């Protein structure tokens, strides 16, 4: 399925658009349920481990990307807007293991739409500073995000197979 990935250093924005050959409810759940997020959010060989997730306006997700050696890189997402199965927005910042954010952070805006069983996810990530955007890029964000979306494709296929097997 189609994917567009644009880094615009002038506007300090990363734009990602990805189409999935799956229904909206399945894709939405993969983005909003911690037990599913942890199966795809980290690019391999890293794993994602959610410590806290309260998916509601004013809620948060506190999680770590964990290396095979056990090194943890923490982040916190604070949800500031949710329109079920259509859109959600959150502020994201790297953090320490005690959930103290390392500012500046970035504002994420995720939009979901479905047409004929294909779901399109459009993500806009605005960084508060050019340095934050550069740091994301230096940490391998572009490659990592592409790997995450590949993981998500694999998870969605697995979930669909499991659902079909139960029926």
Protein backbone atom coordinates (compact mmCIF):
# COMPACT_ATOMS: atom_id res chain seq x y z
CA UNK A 1 0.00 0.00 0.00
CA UNK A 2 1.07 3.56 -0.63
CA UNK A 3 3.17 5.56 1.83
CA UNK A 4 4.39 9.17 1.69
CA UNK A 5 7.04 10.45 4.08
CA UNK A 6 8.08 14.12 4.03
CA UNK A 7 10.52 15.94 6.35
CA UNK A 8 10.19 19.72 6.03
CA UNK A 9 12.97 21.39 8.02
CA UNK A 10 11.65 24.89 7.29
CA UNK A 11 8.29 24.23 8.95
CA UNK A 12 9.82 21.76 11.49
CA UNK A 13 7.23 19.21 10.39
CA UNK A 14 7.26 15.55 9.44
CA UNK A 15 4.27 14.34 7.40
CA UNK A 16 3.49 10.65 6.98
CA UNK A 17 0.58 9.25 4.99
CA UNK A 18 0.09 5.50 4.89
CA UNK A 19 -2.66 3.36 3.44
CA UNK A 20 -3.56 0.00 4.94
CA UNK A 21 -5.67 -2.71 3.25
CA UNK A 22 -7.65 -3.13 6.48
CA UNK A 23 -10.83 -1.69 7.96
CA UNK A 24 -10.64 1.44 10.06
CA UNK A 25 -11.64 -0.19 13.37
CA UNK A 26 -8.68 -2.61 13.18
CA UNK A 27 -6.17 0.15 12.37
CA UNK A 28 -7.62 2.47 15.04
CA UNK A 29 -7.29 -0.26 17.68
CA UNK A 30 -3.64 -0.85 16.70
CA UNK A 31 -2.91 2.83 17.41
CA UNK A 32 -4.95 3.16 20.60
CA UNK A 33 -4.65 -0.08 22.59
CA UNK A 34 -1.40 -0.61 24.52
CA UNK A 35 -1.38 -4.40 24.07
CA UNK A 36 -1.37 -3.83 20.29
CA UNK A 37 0.87 -0.74 20.23
CA UNK A 38 3.61 -2.63 22.04
CA UNK A 39 3.60 -5.25 19.26
CA UNK A 40 4.55 -2.78 16.51
CA UNK A 41 5.59 0.66 17.82
CA UNK A 42 9.32 -0.09 18.12
CA UNK A 43 11.50 -0.80 15.07
CA UNK A 44 13.16 -4.22 15.36
CA UNK A 45 15.30 -5.27 17.16
CA UNK A 46 13.88 -2.80 19.73
CA UNK A 47 10.67 -3.57 21.58
CA UNK A 48 8.06 -1.20 22.97
CA UNK A 49 6.95 -1.49 26.58
CA UNK A 50 4.03 0.61 27.82
CA UNK A 51 4.14 1.35 31.53
CA UNK A 52 0.97 3.51 31.60
CA UNK A 53 -1.65 4.25 28.97
CA UNK A 54 -4.87 6.13 29.58
CA UNK A 55 -6.29 6.87 26.13
CA UNK A 56 -8.57 9.81 26.91
CA UNK A 57 -8.35 13.58 26.66
CA UNK A 58 -5.95 14.60 29.42
CA UNK A 59 -4.58 11.05 29.62
CA UNK A 60 -1.13 9.81 28.71
CA UNK A 61 1.02 6.96 27.47
CA UNK A 62 4.37 6.47 29.18
CA UNK A 63 6.51 3.90 27.41
CA UNK A 64 10.03 2.79 26.64
CA UNK A 65 11.80 1.61 23.54
CA UNK A 66 13.93 -1.25 24.84
CA UNK A 67 17.08 -2.53 23.15
CA UNK A 68 17.98 -6.25 23.10
CA UNK A 69 20.57 -5.41 25.80
CA UNK A 70 17.85 -3.94 28.03
CA UNK A 71 18.66 -0.25 27.50
CA UNK A 72 15.51 1.87 27.81
CA UNK A 73 14.64 5.10 25.98
CA UNK A 74 11.54 6.57 27.62
CA UNK A 75 8.91 8.88 26.13
CA UNK A 76 5.61 10.34 27.26
CA UNK A 77 2.60 11.18 25.12
CA UNK A 78 -0.12 13.44 26.54
CA UNK A 79 -3.46 13.20 24.72
CA UNK A 80 -5.11 16.57 24.17
CA UNK A 81 -7.83 15.73 21.63
CA UNK A 82 -9.64 12.54 20.62
CA UNK A 83 -12.41 12.12 18.06
CA UNK A 84 -13.07 8.35 18.03
CA UNK A 85 -12.03 6.54 14.84
CA UNK A 86 -11.29 9.86 13.12
CA UNK A 87 -8.50 11.79 14.85
CA UNK A 88 -6.36 12.10 17.94
CA UNK A 89 -3.65 14.53 18.95
CA UNK A 90 -0.92 14.29 21.52
CA UNK A 91 2.18 16.06 22.75
CA UNK A 92 5.23 13.78 22.70
CA UNK A 93 8.49 14.26 24.59
CA UNK A 94 11.46 12.11 25.43
CA UNK A 95 11.54 11.47 29.17
CA UNK A 96 13.59 9.86 31.91
CA UNK A 97 12.51 6.67 33.70
CA UNK A 98 10.61 8.81 36.26
CA UNK A 99 8.48 10.40 33.52
CA UNK A 100 10.19 13.80 33.64
CA UNK A 101 9.91 15.15 30.08
CA UNK A 102 12.93 16.40 28.15
CA UNK A 103 11.66 19.52 26.41
CA UNK A 104 11.15 20.63 23.72
CA UNK A 105 8.77 18.05 22.36
CA UNK A 106 6.55 17.58 19.33
CA UNK A 107 2.84 17.81 18.56
CA UNK A 108 1.34 14.82 16.75
CA UNK A 109 -1.92 15.00 14.78
CA UNK A 110 -3.22 11.64 13.48
CA UNK A 111 -6.16 11.47 11.06
CA UNK A 112 -7.92 8.25 10.06
CA UNK A 113 -10.27 7.67 7.12
CA UNK A 114 -11.62 4.59 5.36
CA UNK A 115 -12.77 4.03 1.82
CA UNK A 116 -13.74 0.62 0.39
CA UNK A 117 -11.99 -1.31 3.18
CA UNK A 118 -8.74 0.67 2.86
CA UNK A 119 -7.76 2.87 5.79
CA UNK A 120 -5.60 5.95 5.33
CA UNK A 121 -3.64 7.33 8.27
CA UNK A 122 -2.24 10.85 7.89
CA UNK A 123 0.20 11.97 10.56
CA UNK A 124 1.60 15.45 11.01
CA UNK A 125 4.40 15.89 13.57
CA UNK A 126 5.26 19.48 14.43
CA UNK A 127 8.46 20.02 16.39
CA UNK A 128 8.80 22.99 18.72
CA UNK A 129 12.34 23.65 17.57
CA UNK A 130 14.60 22.84 14.62
CA UNK A 131 16.96 21.20 17.12
CA UNK A 132 14.21 18.76 18.19
CA UNK A 133 13.57 17.81 14.57
CA UNK A 134 17.31 17.34 13.97
CA UNK A 135 17.57 15.17 17.07
CA UNK A 136 14.70 12.98 15.87
CA UNK A 137 16.42 12.54 12.51
CA UNK A 138 19.80 11.82 14.15
CA UNK A 139 18.17 9.14 16.32
CA UNK A 140 16.97 7.40 13.16
CA UNK A 141 13.34 8.53 13.20
CA UNK A 142 12.80 8.24 9.43
CA UNK A 143 14.12 4.69 9.20
CA UNK A 144 12.50 3.76 12.51
CA UNK A 145 9.07 5.07 11.49
CA UNK A 146 9.20 3.18 8.20
CA UNK A 147 10.16 0.00 10.10
CA UNK A 148 7.32 0.60 12.59
CA UNK A 149 4.79 0.86 9.78
CA UNK A 150 6.09 -2.41 8.31
CA UNK A 151 5.62 -3.99 11.78
CA UNK A 152 2.09 -2.58 11.84
CA UNK A 153 1.30 -4.11 8.42
CA UNK A 154 2.46 -7.50 9.75
CA UNK A 155 0.41 -7.15 12.95
CA UNK A 156 -2.75 -6.15 11.06
CA UNK A 157 -2.40 -9.21 8.80
CA UNK A 158 -1.95 -11.43 11.88
CA UNK A 159 -4.98 -9.88 13.62
CA UNK A 160 -7.14 -10.33 10.53
CA UNK A 161 -6.09 -13.99 10.18
CA UNK A 162 -6.89 -14.60 13.86
CA UNK A 163 -10.29 -12.93 13.46
CA UNK A 164 -11.09 -15.01 10.37
CA UNK A 165 -10.03 -18.21 12.15
CA UNK A 166 -12.48 -17.53 15.02
CA UNK A 167 -15.42 -17.06 12.65
